[in-house]
Amino acid sequence: MDVRGRGNSGGTFLPFENEGRDAHDAVEWLAAQPWSNGKVAMWGGSYAGFDQWAALQQFPQRHYLVMGPWDHAGTRTPSREVGGLGFGPASLLDLNALHKAWYDWTLKDGPRPEFLEKRIA
């Protein structure tokens, strides 16, 4: 989904102003469709990541915060070195595996990923 005023979305783009309400409305609409089981998941980094946090301000979703010493590209494929600084092996989180486990948990009622033992990791 494009934010208001971007891509295929109509309206005027006002950065950081409408994303929370618009995302809330979109999630509610998706969950209410006859072809939906009521579960909606979001994924993305950068501005799309902000959009998700903005949506959470509108209603409380099972949310977790995963932070690491990653640059923009590192949020997809982490590296042990960023900007000339070296980090330990814990910085090499397999984010693709975590995403899959997250979706299995939230959308398929699978087990909670072990990495998400705490709400902030």
Protein backbone atom coordinates (compact mmCIF):
# COMPACT_ATOMS: atom_id res chain seq x y z
CA MET A 1 0.00 0.00 0.00
CA ASP A 2 1.31 3.43 -0.85
CA VAL A 3 1.01 6.23 1.69
CA ARG A 4 -1.36 9.06 0.90
CA GLY A 5 -0.12 11.12 -2.04
CA ARG A 6 2.58 8.63 -3.13
CA GLY A 7 2.68 5.95 -5.82
CA ASN A 8 -0.86 4.87 -6.69
CA SER A 9 -2.43 6.55 -3.67
CA GLY A 10 -4.48 9.70 -4.10
CA GLY A 11 -4.41 12.77 -1.92
CA THR A 12 -1.61 15.08 -0.83
CA PHE A 13 1.59 13.71 0.70
CA LEU A 14 2.21 15.30 4.08
CA PRO A 15 5.17 13.42 5.60
CA PHE A 16 4.45 11.80 8.97
CA GLU A 17 0.97 13.31 9.24
CA ASN A 18 -1.60 10.77 7.98
CA GLU A 19 0.20 7.43 8.05
CA GLY A 20 -1.14 6.22 11.40
CA ARG A 21 -4.81 6.90 10.70
CA ASP A 22 -4.58 5.69 7.10
CA ALA A 23 -2.81 2.47 8.09
CA HIS A 24 -5.37 1.86 10.84
CA ASP A 25 -8.21 2.23 8.34
CA ALA A 26 -6.47 -0.05 5.83
CA VAL A 27 -5.81 -2.77 8.43
CA GLU A 28 -9.39 -2.62 9.69
CA TRP A 29 -10.72 -2.82 6.12
CA LEU A 30 -8.47 -5.77 5.23
CA ALA A 31 -9.36 -7.66 8.41
CA ALA A 32 -13.10 -7.22 7.77
CA GLN A 33 -13.10 -8.63 4.22
CA PRO A 34 -14.93 -11.94 3.71
CA TRP A 35 -11.76 -13.53 2.29
CA SER A 36 -9.70 -12.51 5.35
CA ASN A 37 -9.21 -14.51 8.55
CA GLY A 38 -8.90 -11.17 10.38
CA LYS A 39 -5.13 -11.34 10.73
CA VAL A 40 -3.04 -8.65 9.07
CA ALA A 41 0.74 -8.39 9.15
CA MET A 42 2.98 -5.54 8.04
CA TRP A 43 6.62 -5.56 7.03
CA GLY A 44 9.11 -3.00 5.84
CA GLY A 45 12.02 -0.84 6.77
CA SER A 46 12.82 2.82 6.42
CA TYR A 47 9.68 4.92 5.83
CA ALA A 48 7.54 1.76 5.61
CA GLY A 49 8.88 0.82 9.04
CA PHE A 50 7.83 4.19 10.41
CA ASP A 51 4.38 3.68 8.90
CA GLN A 52 3.97 0.53 10.96
CA TRP A 53 4.91 2.27 14.19
CA ALA A 54 2.50 5.07 13.33
CA ALA A 55 -0.25 2.49 12.84
CA LEU A 56 0.47 1.02 16.26
CA GLN A 57 -0.27 4.39 17.85
CA GLN A 58 -3.85 3.99 16.68
CA PHE A 59 -4.49 0.58 18.26
CA PRO A 60 -2.50 -1.94 20.31
CA GLN A 61 -1.09 -4.96 17.66
CA ARG A 62 1.32 -7.94 19.25
CA HIS A 63 4.38 -5.81 18.53
CA TYR A 64 8.06 -6.30 19.17
CA LEU A 65 11.05 -4.07 18.58
CA VAL A 66 14.18 -5.62 17.08
CA MET A 67 17.17 -3.30 16.98
CA GLY A 68 20.69 -3.88 15.77
CA PRO A 69 23.82 -2.07 14.62
CA TRP A 70 22.70 -2.03 11.00
CA ASP A 71 22.72 0.54 8.27
CA HIS A 72 19.85 0.91 5.80
CA ALA A 73 20.80 -2.18 3.75
CA GLY A 74 21.69 -4.07 6.93
CA THR A 75 18.06 -4.20 7.97
CA ARG A 76 17.68 -6.81 5.23
CA THR A 77 21.14 -8.41 5.29
CA PRO A 78 23.07 -7.53 8.45
CA SER A 79 26.85 -7.16 8.39
CA ARG A 80 29.33 -7.31 11.27
CA GLU A 81 30.86 -4.03 10.08
CA VAL A 82 29.01 -0.75 9.64
CA GLY A 83 30.71 2.57 8.98
CA GLY A 84 34.11 1.17 9.85
CA LEU A 85 32.97 -0.18 13.22
CA GLY A 86 33.03 -3.89 13.97
CA PHE A 87 30.32 -5.69 15.95
CA GLY A 88 30.03 -9.13 17.53
CA PRO A 89 28.41 -12.23 16.10
CA ALA A 90 25.00 -11.30 17.59
CA SER A 91 24.81 -8.54 14.97
CA LEU A 92 24.41 -11.19 12.25
CA LEU A 93 20.77 -11.94 12.94
CA ASP A 94 19.09 -13.98 10.17
CA LEU A 95 16.33 -11.47 9.51
CA ASN A 96 14.76 -13.51 6.69
CA ALA A 97 14.33 -16.47 9.05
CA LEU A 98 12.96 -14.14 11.74
CA HIS A 99 10.44 -12.67 9.28
CA LYS A 100 9.27 -16.14 8.27
CA ALA A 101 8.96 -17.24 11.89
CA TRP A 102 7.06 -14.03 12.71
CA TYR A 103 4.56 -14.59 9.91
CA ASP A 104 4.14 -18.26 10.87
CA TRP A 105 3.39 -17.14 14.44
CA THR A 106 1.12 -14.20 13.70
CA LEU A 107 -0.71 -15.48 10.63
CA LYS A 108 -0.63 -19.26 11.01
CA ASP A 109 -0.78 -19.62 14.81
CA GLY A 110 2.70 -21.15 14.88
CA PRO A 111 5.04 -20.88 17.88
CA ARG A 112 6.47 -17.51 18.88
CA PRO A 113 10.01 -17.13 17.52
CA GLU A 114 12.57 -17.88 20.24
CA PHE A 115 14.42 -14.65 19.42
CA LEU A 116 11.36 -12.70 20.57
CA GLU A 117 11.58 -13.87 24.16
CA LYS A 118 11.31 -10.22 25.24
CA ARG A 119 9.38 -7.37 23.59
CA ILE A 120 12.61 -5.51 22.87
CA ALA A 121 15.58 -7.38 21.42
